[in-house]
């Protein structure tokens, strides 16, 4: 991932998938920067490797007994393998980078 493309940091609380819809979801909050459709999430695996995916849509959500408004990032992919990889990473309670570019 190229740090010059970084436009934000997103704190992921939890993630899940709906396989029938071919969508992967990240629930959390934007810590800094910006978050827009067609930007990319980047889950860092180690110092030289990250998994990136294009943001398809973003929704605001509310959680019972919590006054904060959170963001739900939705990643749509016809590629079952990408959904499997993202789901297997068990993304939660961690920060991910938001970038302008990535691999589709």
PDB file of N, CA and C in Angstrom:
ATOM      1  N   UNK A   1       0.843  -1.186   0.000  1.00  0.00           N
ATOM      2  CA  UNK A   1       0.000   0.000   0.000  1.00  0.00           C
ATOM      3  C   UNK A   1       0.883   1.243   0.000  1.00  0.00           C
ATOM      4  N   UNK A   2       0.535   2.178  -0.812  1.00  0.00           N
ATOM      5  CA  UNK A   2       1.266   3.427  -0.937  1.00  0.00           C
ATOM      6  C   UNK A   2       0.703   4.438   0.055  1.00  0.00           C
ATOM      7  N   UNK A   3       1.509   4.837   1.047  1.00  0.00           N
ATOM      8  CA  UNK A   3       1.040   5.742   2.102  1.00  0.00           C
ATOM      9  C   UNK A   3       0.604   7.105   1.564  1.00  0.00           C
ATOM     10  N   UNK A   4       1.122   7.518   0.404  1.00  0.00           N
ATOM     11  CA  UNK A   4       0.716   8.826  -0.119  1.00  0.00           C
ATOM     12  C   UNK A   4      -0.745   8.826  -0.562  1.00  0.00           C
ATOM     13  N   UNK A   5      -1.311   7.649  -0.806  1.00  0.00           N
ATOM     14  CA  UNK A   5      -2.715   7.538  -1.193  1.00  0.00           C
ATOM     15  C   UNK A   5      -3.653   7.490   0.011  1.00  0.00           C
ATOM     16  N   UNK A   6      -3.110   7.387   1.215  1.00  0.00           N
ATOM     17  CA  UNK A   6      -3.934   7.257   2.417  1.00  0.00           C
ATOM     18  C   UNK A   6      -4.744   8.533   2.636  1.00  0.00           C
ATOM     19  N   UNK A   7      -6.067   8.332   2.820  1.00  0.00           N
ATOM     20  CA  UNK A   7      -6.954   9.481   3.039  1.00  0.00           C
ATOM     21  C   UNK A   7      -7.711   9.380   4.365  1.00  0.00           C
ATOM     22  N   UNK A   8      -7.547   8.250   5.074  1.00  0.00           N
ATOM     23  CA  UNK A   8      -8.262   8.111   6.337  1.00  0.00           C
ATOM     24  C   UNK A   8      -7.873   6.878   7.117  1.00  0.00           C
ATOM     25  N   UNK A   9      -8.327   6.859   8.369  1.00  0.00           N
ATOM     26  CA  UNK A   9      -8.156   5.705   9.249  1.00  0.00           C
ATOM     27  C   UNK A   9      -9.526   5.350   9.821  1.00  0.00           C
ATOM     28  N   UNK A  10      -9.886   4.083   9.701  1.00  0.00           N
ATOM     29  CA  UNK A  10     -11.188   3.592  10.137  1.00  0.00           C
ATOM     30  C   UNK A  10     -10.977   2.567  11.237  1.00  0.00           C
ATOM     31  N   UNK A  11     -11.651   2.756  12.366  1.00  0.00           N
ATOM     32  CA  UNK A  11     -11.575   1.810  13.489  1.00  0.00           C
ATOM     33  C   UNK A  11     -12.691   0.786  13.333  1.00  0.00           C
ATOM     34  N   UNK A  12     -12.323  -0.463  13.059  1.00  0.00           N
ATOM     35  CA  UNK A  12     -13.301  -1.532  12.859  1.00  0.00           C
ATOM     36  C   UNK A  12     -13.664  -2.145  14.207  1.00  0.00           C
ATOM     37  N   UNK A  13     -14.964  -2.163  14.507  1.00  0.00           N
ATOM     38  CA  UNK A  13     -15.456  -2.840  15.707  1.00  0.00           C
ATOM     39  C   UNK A  13     -15.673  -4.320  15.418  1.00  0.00           C
ATOM     40  N   UNK A  14     -16.283  -4.583  14.264  1.00  0.00           N
ATOM     41  CA  UNK A  14     -16.633  -5.951  13.900  1.00  0.00           C
ATOM     42  C   UNK A  14     -16.835  -6.042  12.388  1.00  0.00           C
ATOM     43  N   UNK A  15     -16.816  -7.262  11.887  1.00  0.00           N
ATOM     44  CA  UNK A  15     -17.054  -7.479  10.456  1.00  0.00           C
ATOM     45  C   UNK A  15     -17.855  -8.765  10.275  1.00  0.00           C
ATOM     46  N   UNK A  16     -18.558  -8.823   9.160  1.00  0.00           N
ATOM     47  CA  UNK A  16     -19.347 -10.013   8.850  1.00  0.00           C
ATOM     48  C   UNK A  16     -19.628 -10.060   7.358  1.00  0.00           C
ATOM     49  N   UNK A  17     -20.158 -11.178   6.899  1.00  0.00           N
ATOM     50  CA  UNK A  17     -20.494 -11.323   5.486  1.00  0.00           C
ATOM     51  C   UNK A  17     -21.913 -11.858   5.346  1.00  0.00           C
ATOM     52  N   UNK A  18     -22.532 -11.534   4.233  1.00  0.00           N
ATOM     53  CA  UNK A  18     -23.773 -12.173   3.813  1.00  0.00           C
ATOM     54  C   UNK A  18     -23.444 -12.789   2.457  1.00  0.00           C
ATOM     55  N   UNK A  19     -23.151 -14.072   2.489  1.00  0.00           N
ATOM     56  CA  UNK A  19     -22.661 -14.755   1.287  1.00  0.00           C
ATOM     57  C   UNK A  19     -23.684 -14.735   0.146  1.00  0.00           C
ATOM     58  N   UNK A  20     -24.967 -14.901   0.477  1.00  0.00           N
ATOM     59  CA  UNK A  20     -26.009 -14.904  -0.551  1.00  0.00           C
ATOM     60  C   UNK A  20     -26.000 -13.601  -1.346  1.00  0.00           C
ATOM     61  N   UNK A  21     -25.711 -12.480  -0.672  1.00  0.00           N
ATOM     62  CA  UNK A  21     -25.677 -11.172  -1.333  1.00  0.00           C
ATOM     63  C   UNK A  21     -24.298 -10.840  -1.897  1.00  0.00           C
ATOM     64  N   UNK A  22     -23.307 -11.701  -1.586  1.00  0.00           N
ATOM     65  CA  UNK A  22     -21.924 -11.479  -2.023  1.00  0.00           C
ATOM     66  C   UNK A  22     -21.394 -10.141  -1.506  1.00  0.00           C
ATOM     67  N   UNK A  23     -21.659  -9.900  -0.215  1.00  0.00           N
ATOM     68  CA  UNK A  23     -21.230  -8.649   0.416  1.00  0.00           C
ATOM     69  C   UNK A  23     -20.487  -8.934   1.716  1.00  0.00           C
ATOM     70  N   UNK A  24     -19.502  -8.078   1.976  1.00  0.00           N
ATOM     71  CA  UNK A  24     -18.734  -8.103   3.215  1.00  0.00           C
ATOM     72  C   UNK A  24     -18.943  -6.757   3.892  1.00  0.00           C
ATOM     73  N   UNK A  25     -19.085  -6.765   5.220  1.00  0.00           N
ATOM     74  CA  UNK A  25     -19.430  -5.559   5.967  1.00  0.00           C
ATOM     75  C   UNK A  25     -18.424  -5.293   7.079  1.00  0.00           C
ATOM     76  N   UNK A  26     -18.123  -4.020   7.286  1.00  0.00           N
ATOM     77  CA  UNK A  26     -17.277  -3.576   8.388  1.00  0.00           C
ATOM     78  C   UNK A  26     -18.051  -2.523   9.173  1.00  0.00           C
ATOM     79  N   UNK A  27     -18.186  -2.727  10.465  1.00  0.00           N
ATOM     80  CA  UNK A  27     -18.858  -1.756  11.340  1.00  0.00           C
ATOM     81  C   UNK A  27     -17.784  -1.037  12.138  1.00  0.00           C
ATOM     82  N   UNK A  28     -17.872   0.294  12.182  1.00  0.00           N
ATOM     83  CA  UNK A  28     -16.890   1.034  12.963  1.00  0.00           C
ATOM     84  C   UNK A  28     -17.081   2.528  12.846  1.00  0.00           C
ATOM     85  N   UNK A  29     -15.970   3.242  13.054  1.00  0.00           N
ATOM     86  CA  UNK A  29     -16.029   4.700  12.993  1.00  0.00           C
ATOM     87  C   UNK A  29     -14.765   5.266  12.359  1.00  0.00           C
ATOM     88  N   UNK A  30     -14.955   6.346  11.644  1.00  0.00           N
ATOM     89  CA  UNK A  30     -13.842   7.041  11.009  1.00  0.00           C
ATOM     90  C   UNK A  30     -13.091   7.827  12.081  1.00  0.00           C
ATOM     91  N   UNK A  31     -11.811   7.531  12.256  1.00  0.00           N
ATOM     92  CA  UNK A  31     -11.001   8.223  13.258  1.00  0.00           C
ATOM     93  C   UNK A  31     -10.405   9.508  12.716  1.00  0.00           C
ATOM     94  N   UNK A  32     -10.029   9.483  11.439  1.00  0.00           N
ATOM     95  CA  UNK A  32      -9.451  10.678  10.818  1.00  0.00           C
ATOM     96  C   UNK A  32      -9.604  10.579   9.310  1.00  0.00           C
ATOM     97  N   UNK A  33      -9.604  11.722   8.676  1.00  0.00           N
ATOM     98  CA  UNK A  33      -9.638  11.758   7.222  1.00  0.00           C
ATOM     99  C   UNK A  33     -11.031  11.638   6.660  1.00  0.00           C
ATOM    100  N   UNK A  34     -11.117  10.993   5.492  1.00  0.00           N
ATOM    101  CA  UNK A  34     -12.405  10.888   4.804  1.00  0.00           C
ATOM    102  C   UNK A  34     -12.684   9.447   4.393  1.00  0.00           C
ATOM    103  N   UNK A  35     -13.969   9.203   4.136  1.00  0.00           N
ATOM    104  CA  UNK A  35     -14.462   7.886   3.781  1.00  0.00           C
ATOM    105  C   UNK A  35     -15.528   8.078   2.715  1.00  0.00           C
ATOM    106  N   UNK A  36     -15.290   7.527   1.513  1.00  0.00           N
ATOM    107  CA  UNK A  36     -16.227   7.704   0.410  1.00  0.00           C
ATOM    108  C   UNK A  36     -16.345   6.418  -0.398  1.00  0.00           C
ATOM    109  N   UNK A  37     -17.464   6.293  -1.084  1.00  0.00           N
ATOM    110  CA  UNK A  37     -17.649   5.198  -2.028  1.00  0.00           C
ATOM    111  C   UNK A  37     -16.546   5.279  -3.084  1.00  0.00           C
ATOM    112  N   UNK A  38     -16.052   4.151  -3.508  1.00  0.00           N
ATOM    113  CA  UNK A  38     -14.970   3.988  -4.485  1.00  0.00           C
ATOM    114  C   UNK A  38     -13.575   4.202  -3.904  1.00  0.00           C
ATOM    115  N   UNK A  39     -13.463   4.570  -2.609  1.00  0.00           N
ATOM    116  CA  UNK A  39     -12.170   4.507  -1.931  1.00  0.00           C
ATOM    117  C   UNK A  39     -11.934   3.036  -1.606  1.00  0.00           C
ATOM    118  N   UNK A  40     -10.780   2.724  -1.036  1.00  0.00           N
ATOM    119  CA  UNK A  40     -10.417   1.349  -0.731  1.00  0.00           C
ATOM    120  C   UNK A  40     -10.127   1.162   0.749  1.00  0.00           C
ATOM    121  N   UNK A  41     -10.544  -0.001   1.272  1.00  0.00           N
ATOM    122  CA  UNK A  41     -10.091  -0.405   2.600  1.00  0.00           C
ATOM    123  C   UNK A  41      -8.808  -1.175   2.406  1.00  0.00           C
ATOM    124  N   UNK A  42      -7.933  -1.134   3.389  1.00  0.00           N
ATOM    125  CA  UNK A  42      -6.671  -1.861   3.325  1.00  0.00           C
ATOM    126  C   UNK A  42      -6.431  -2.525   4.670  1.00  0.00           C
ATOM    127  N   UNK A  43      -6.545  -3.843   4.687  1.00  0.00           N
ATOM    128  CA  UNK A  43      -6.292  -4.611   5.901  1.00  0.00           C
ATOM    129  C   UNK A  43      -4.841  -5.051   5.833  1.00  0.00           C
ATOM    130  N   UNK A  44      -4.036  -4.529   6.741  1.00  0.00           N
ATOM    131  CA  UNK A  44      -2.602  -4.791   6.719  1.00  0.00           C
ATOM    132  C   UNK A  44      -2.317  -6.145   7.366  1.00  0.00           C
ATOM    133  N   UNK A  45      -1.618  -6.999   6.621  1.00  0.00           N
ATOM    134  CA  UNK A  45      -1.258  -8.327   7.117  1.00  0.00           C
ATOM    135  C   UNK A  45       0.130  -8.339   7.746  1.00  0.00           C
ATOM    136  N   UNK A  46       1.057  -7.614   7.131  1.00  0.00           N
ATOM    137  CA  UNK A  46       2.406  -7.443   7.685  1.00  0.00           C
ATOM    138  C   UNK A  46       3.007  -6.193   7.049  1.00  0.00           C
ATOM    139  N   UNK A  47       4.277  -5.957   7.237  1.00  0.00           N
ATOM    140  CA  UNK A  47       4.882  -4.706   6.767  1.00  0.00           C
ATOM    141  C   UNK A  47       4.896  -4.551   5.251  1.00  0.00           C
ATOM    142  N   UNK A  48       4.741  -5.648   4.515  1.00  0.00           N
ATOM    143  CA  UNK A  48       4.799  -5.554   3.058  1.00  0.00           C
ATOM    144  C   UNK A  48       3.542  -6.039   2.346  1.00  0.00           C
ATOM    145  N   UNK A  49       2.553  -6.514   3.082  1.00  0.00           N
ATOM    146  CA  UNK A  49       1.389  -7.113   2.452  1.00  0.00           C
ATOM    147  C   UNK A  49       0.087  -6.609   3.070  1.00  0.00           C
ATOM    148  N   UNK A  50      -0.852  -6.230   2.192  1.00  0.00           N
ATOM    149  CA  UNK A  50      -2.179  -5.795   2.639  1.00  0.00           C
ATOM    150  C   UNK A  50      -3.220  -6.306   1.652  1.00  0.00           C
ATOM    151  N   UNK A  51      -4.415  -6.549   2.165  1.00  0.00           N
ATOM    152  CA  UNK A  51      -5.542  -6.922   1.311  1.00  0.00           C
ATOM    153  C   UNK A  51      -6.379  -5.670   1.121  1.00  0.00           C
ATOM    154  N   UNK A  52      -6.662  -5.311  -0.129  1.00  0.00           N
ATOM    155  CA  UNK A  52      -7.464  -4.116  -0.385  1.00  0.00           C
ATOM    156  C   UNK A  52      -8.751  -4.508  -1.093  1.00  0.00           C
ATOM    157  N   UNK A  53      -9.780  -3.701  -0.870  1.00  0.00           N
ATOM    158  CA  UNK A  53     -11.072  -3.930  -1.515  1.00  0.00           C
ATOM    159  C   UNK A  53     -11.777  -2.590  -1.668  1.00  0.00           C
ATOM    160  N   UNK A  54     -12.477  -2.440  -2.785  1.00  0.00           N
ATOM    161  CA  UNK A  54     -13.170  -1.185  -3.100  1.00  0.00           C
ATOM    162  C   UNK A  54     -14.467  -1.063  -2.298  1.00  0.00           C
ATOM    163  N   UNK A  55     -14.698   0.112  -1.733  1.00  0.00           N
ATOM    164  CA  UNK A  55     -15.916   0.395  -0.971  1.00  0.00           C
ATOM    165  C   UNK A  55     -17.070   0.607  -1.941  1.00  0.00           C
ATOM    166  N   UNK A  56     -18.107  -0.207  -1.804  1.00  0.00           N
ATOM    167  CA  UNK A  56     -19.275  -0.122  -2.689  1.00  0.00           C
ATOM    168  C   UNK A  56     -20.312   0.861  -2.177  1.00  0.00           C
ATOM    169  N   UNK A  57     -20.525   0.865  -0.869  1.00  0.00           N
ATOM    170  CA  UNK A  57     -21.464   1.819  -0.270  1.00  0.00           C
ATOM    171  C   UNK A  57     -21.166   1.975   1.210  1.00  0.00           C
ATOM    172  N   UNK A  58     -21.726   3.021   1.785  1.00  0.00           N
ATOM    173  CA  UNK A  58     -21.527   3.346   3.199  1.00  0.00           C
ATOM    174  C   UNK A  58     -22.875   3.737   3.781  1.00  0.00           C
ATOM    175  N   UNK A  59     -23.179   3.179   4.942  1.00  0.00           N
ATOM    176  CA  UNK A  59     -24.421   3.513   5.632  1.00  0.00           C
ATOM    177  C   UNK A  59     -24.098   3.966   7.050  1.00  0.00           C
ATOM    178  N   UNK A  60     -24.932   4.822   7.599  1.00  0.00           N
ATOM    179  CA  UNK A  60     -24.835   5.177   9.009  1.00  0.00           C
ATOM    180  C   UNK A  60     -25.751   4.254   9.789  1.00  0.00           C
ATOM    181  N   UNK A  61     -25.241   3.723  10.898  1.00  0.00           N
ATOM    182  CA  UNK A  61     -26.044   2.804  11.701  1.00  0.00           C
ATOM    183  C   UNK A  61     -26.020   3.224  13.166  1.00  0.00           C
ATOM    184  N   UNK A  62     -27.030   2.785  13.882  1.00  0.00           N
ATOM    185  CA  UNK A  62     -27.127   3.013  15.321  1.00  0.00           C
ATOM    186  C   UNK A  62     -27.155   1.665  16.015  1.00  0.00           C
ATOM    187  N   UNK A  63     -26.533   1.612  17.177  1.00  0.00           N
ATOM    188  CA  UNK A  63     -26.477   0.390  17.963  1.00  0.00           C
ATOM    189  C   UNK A  63     -27.207   0.647  19.281  1.00  0.00           C
ATOM    190  N   UNK A  64     -28.030  -0.303  19.670  1.00  0.00           N
ATOM    191  CA  UNK A  64     -28.816  -0.171  20.896  1.00  0.00           C
ATOM    192  C   UNK A  64     -27.916   0.148  22.087  1.00  0.00           C
ATOM    193  N   UNK A  65     -28.387   1.059  22.933  1.00  0.00           N
ATOM    194  CA  UNK A  65     -27.693   1.488  24.154  1.00  0.00           C
ATOM    195  C   UNK A  65     -26.354   2.169  23.881  1.00  0.00           C
ATOM    196  N   UNK A  66     -26.209   2.770  22.713  1.00  0.00           N
ATOM    197  CA  UNK A  66     -24.993   3.496  22.357  1.00  0.00           C
ATOM    198  C   UNK A  66     -25.420   4.758  21.619  1.00  0.00           C
ATOM    199  N   UNK A  67     -24.972   5.901  22.087  1.00  0.00           N
ATOM    200  CA  UNK A  67     -25.415   7.163  21.490  1.00  0.00           C
ATOM    201  C   UNK A  67     -24.648   7.540  20.222  1.00  0.00           C
ATOM    202  N   UNK A  68     -23.562   6.842  19.916  1.00  0.00           N
ATOM    203  CA  UNK A  68     -22.760   7.148  18.728  1.00  0.00           C
ATOM    204  C   UNK A  68     -23.456   6.688  17.458  1.00  0.00           C
ATOM    205  N   UNK A  69     -23.131   7.353  16.383  1.00  0.00           N
ATOM    206  CA  UNK A  69     -23.518   6.922  15.042  1.00  0.00           C
ATOM    207  C   UNK A  69     -22.277   6.276  14.416  1.00  0.00           C
ATOM    208  N   UNK A  70     -22.413   5.057  13.953  1.00  0.00           N
ATOM    209  CA  UNK A  70     -21.311   4.325  13.345  1.00  0.00           C
ATOM    210  C   UNK A  70     -21.509   4.224  11.841  1.00  0.00           C
ATOM    211  N   UNK A  71     -20.433   3.870  11.153  1.00  0.00           N
ATOM    212  CA  UNK A  71     -20.503   3.669   9.713  1.00  0.00           C
ATOM    213  C   UNK A  71     -20.458   2.162   9.425  1.00  0.00           C
ATOM    214  N   UNK A  72     -21.221   1.781   8.429  1.00  0.00           N
ATOM    215  CA  UNK A  72     -21.202   0.416   7.916  1.00  0.00           C
ATOM    216  C   UNK A  72     -20.629   0.490   6.509  1.00  0.00           C
ATOM    217  N   UNK A  73     -19.427  -0.037   6.334  1.00  0.00           N
ATOM    218  CA  UNK A  73     -18.798  -0.088   5.015  1.00  0.00           C
ATOM    219  C   UNK A  73     -19.226  -1.383   4.349  1.00  0.00           C
ATOM    220  N   UNK A  74     -19.694  -1.277   3.114  1.00  0.00           N
ATOM    221  CA  UNK A  74     -20.148  -2.443   2.378  1.00  0.00           C
ATOM    222  C   UNK A  74     -19.236  -2.675   1.176  1.00  0.00           C
ATOM    223  N   UNK A  75     -18.717  -3.899   1.083  1.00  0.00           N
ATOM    224  CA  UNK A  75     -17.865  -4.311  -0.026  1.00  0.00           C
ATOM    225  C   UNK A  75     -18.646  -5.351  -0.817  1.00  0.00           C
ATOM    226  N   UNK A  76     -19.009  -5.016  -2.052  1.00  0.00           N
ATOM    227  CA  UNK A  76     -19.692  -5.976  -2.919  1.00  0.00           C
ATOM    228  C   UNK A  76     -18.651  -6.616  -3.822  1.00  0.00           C
ATOM    229  N   UNK A  77     -18.736  -7.942  -3.954  1.00  0.00           N
ATOM    230  CA  UNK A  77     -17.785  -8.626  -4.821  1.00  0.00           C
ATOM    231  C   UNK A  77     -18.411  -9.876  -5.397  1.00  0.00           C
ATOM    232  N   UNK A  78     -18.358  -9.998  -6.697  1.00  0.00           N
ATOM    233  CA  UNK A  78     -18.824 -11.219  -7.346  1.00  0.00           C
ATOM    234  C   UNK A  78     -17.831 -12.355  -7.118  1.00  0.00           C
ATOM    235  N   UNK A  79     -16.649 -11.993  -6.649  1.00  0.00           N
ATOM    236  CA  UNK A  79     -15.584 -12.959  -6.411  1.00  0.00           C
ATOM    237  C   UNK A  79     -15.739 -13.566  -5.017  1.00  0.00           C
ATOM    238  N   UNK A  80     -16.216 -14.806  -4.955  1.00  0.00           N
ATOM    239  CA  UNK A  80     -16.385 -15.479  -3.666  1.00  0.00           C
ATOM    240  C   UNK A  80     -15.069 -15.573  -2.908  1.00  0.00           C
ATOM    241  N   UNK A  81     -13.974 -15.689  -3.627  1.00  0.00           N
ATOM    242  CA  UNK A  81     -12.672 -15.816  -2.987  1.00  0.00           C
ATOM    243  C   UNK A  81     -12.318 -14.563  -2.182  1.00  0.00           C
ATOM    244  N   UNK A  82     -12.598 -13.381  -2.711  1.00  0.00           N
ATOM    245  CA  UNK A  82     -12.328 -12.149  -1.972  1.00  0.00           C
ATOM    246  C   UNK A  82     -13.159 -12.111  -0.696  1.00  0.00           C
ATOM    247  N   UNK A  83     -14.442 -12.442  -0.783  1.00  0.00           N
ATOM    248  CA  UNK A  83     -15.287 -12.462   0.415  1.00  0.00           C
ATOM    249  C   UNK A  83     -14.752 -13.459   1.437  1.00  0.00           C
ATOM    250  N   UNK A  84     -14.317 -14.619   0.980  1.00  0.00           N
ATOM    251  CA  UNK A  84     -13.760 -15.624   1.885  1.00  0.00           C
ATOM    252  C   UNK A  84     -12.495 -15.118   2.568  1.00  0.00           C
ATOM    253  N   UNK A  85     -11.634 -14.474   1.794  1.00  0.00           N
ATOM    254  CA  UNK A  85     -10.386 -13.935   2.366  1.00  0.00           C
ATOM    255  C   UNK A  85     -10.694 -12.871   3.408  1.00  0.00           C
ATOM    256  N   UNK A  86     -11.551 -11.908   3.049  1.00  0.00           N
ATOM    257  CA  UNK A  86     -11.884 -10.842   4.001  1.00  0.00           C
ATOM    258  C   UNK A  86     -12.509 -11.409   5.267  1.00  0.00           C
ATOM    259  N   UNK A  87     -13.425 -12.349   5.112  1.00  0.00           N
ATOM    260  CA  UNK A  87     -14.090 -12.948   6.268  1.00  0.00           C
ATOM    261  C   UNK A  87     -13.096 -13.718   7.139  1.00  0.00           C
ATOM    262  N   UNK A  88     -12.179 -14.440   6.509  1.00  0.00           N
ATOM    263  CA  UNK A  88     -11.215 -15.240   7.273  1.00  0.00           C
ATOM    264  C   UNK A  88     -10.205 -14.381   8.031  1.00  0.00           C
ATOM    265  N   UNK A  89     -10.045 -13.135   7.638  1.00  0.00           N
ATOM    266  CA  UNK A  89      -9.124 -12.242   8.343  1.00  0.00           C
ATOM    267  C   UNK A  89      -9.645 -11.841   9.721  1.00  0.00           C
ATOM    268  N   UNK A  90     -10.956 -12.072   9.949  1.00  0.00           N
ATOM    269  CA  UNK A  90     -11.551 -11.791  11.257  1.00  0.00           C
ATOM    270  C   UNK A  90     -11.249 -10.348  11.694  1.00  0.00           C
ATOM    271  N   UNK A  91     -11.553  -9.401  10.818  1.00  0.00           N
ATOM    272  CA  UNK A  91     -11.242  -7.997  11.078  1.00  0.00           C
ATOM    273  C   UNK A  91     -12.161  -7.470  12.173  1.00  0.00           C
ATOM    274  N   UNK A  92     -11.573  -6.984  13.237  1.00  0.00           N
ATOM    275  CA  UNK A  92     -12.336  -6.418  14.342  1.00  0.00           C
ATOM    276  C   UNK A  92     -11.389  -5.861  15.384  1.00  0.00           C
ATOM    277  N   UNK A  93     -11.820  -4.811  16.053  1.00  0.00           N
ATOM    278  CA  UNK A  93     -11.016  -4.154  17.083  1.00  0.00           C
ATOM    279  C   UNK A  93      -9.626  -3.785  16.571  1.00  0.00           C
ATOM    280  N   UNK A  94      -9.606  -3.200  15.379  1.00  0.00           N
ATOM    281  CA  UNK A  94      -8.343  -2.769  14.799  1.00  0.00           C
ATOM    282  C   UNK A  94      -8.581  -1.619  13.827  1.00  0.00           C
ATOM    283  N   UNK A  95      -7.520  -0.898  13.540  1.00  0.00           N
ATOM    284  CA  UNK A  95      -7.588   0.205  12.589  1.00  0.00           C
ATOM    285  C   UNK A  95      -7.205  -0.294  11.202  1.00  0.00           C
ATOM    286  N   UNK A  96      -7.906   0.218  10.187  1.00  0.00           N
ATOM    287  CA  UNK A  96      -7.528  -0.061   8.805  1.00  0.00           C
ATOM    288  C   UNK A  96      -7.362   1.266   8.084  1.00  0.00           C
ATOM    289  N   UNK A  97      -6.525   1.255   7.073  1.00  0.00           N
ATOM    290  CA  UNK A  97      -6.309   2.460   6.278  1.00  0.00           C
ATOM    291  C   UNK A  97      -7.324   2.554   5.162  1.00  0.00           C
ATOM    292  N   UNK A  98      -7.723   3.782   4.859  1.00  0.00           N
ATOM    293  CA  UNK A  98      -8.578   4.082   3.724  1.00  0.00           C
ATOM    294  C   UNK A  98      -7.694   4.795   2.707  1.00  0.00           C
ATOM    295  N   UNK A  99      -7.717   4.298   1.463  1.00  0.00           N
ATOM    296  CA  UNK A  99      -6.869   4.878   0.430  1.00  0.00           C
ATOM    297  C   UNK A  99      -7.656   5.202  -0.828  1.00  0.00           C
ATOM    298  N   UNK A 100      -7.064   6.026  -1.668  1.00  0.00           N
ATOM    299  CA  UNK A 100      -7.682   6.384  -2.948  1.00  0.00           C
ATOM    300  C   UNK A 100      -7.587   5.250  -3.949  1.00  0.00           C
ATOM    301  N   UNK A 101      -6.526   4.455  -3.854  1.00  0.00           N
ATOM    302  CA  UNK A 101      -6.277   3.393  -4.823  1.00  0.00           C
ATOM    303  C   UNK A 101      -6.107   2.061  -4.130  1.00  0.00           C
ATOM    304  N   UNK A 102      -6.275   1.017  -4.897  1.00  0.00           N
ATOM    305  CA  UNK A 102      -6.111  -0.348  -4.396  1.00  0.00           C
ATOM    306  C   UNK A 102      -6.330  -1.308  -5.539  1.00  0.00           C
ATOM    307  N   UNK A 103      -6.356  -2.584  -5.207  1.00  0.00           N
ATOM    308  CA  UNK A 103      -6.597  -3.607  -6.222  1.00  0.00           C
ATOM    309  C   UNK A 103      -8.041  -4.038  -6.158  1.00  0.00           C
ATOM    310  N   UNK A 104      -8.703  -4.039  -7.303  1.00  0.00           N
ATOM    311  CA  UNK A 104     -10.086  -4.528  -7.384  1.00  0.00           C
ATOM    312  C   UNK A 104     -10.101  -6.042  -7.359  1.00  0.00           C
TER     313      UNK A 104
END
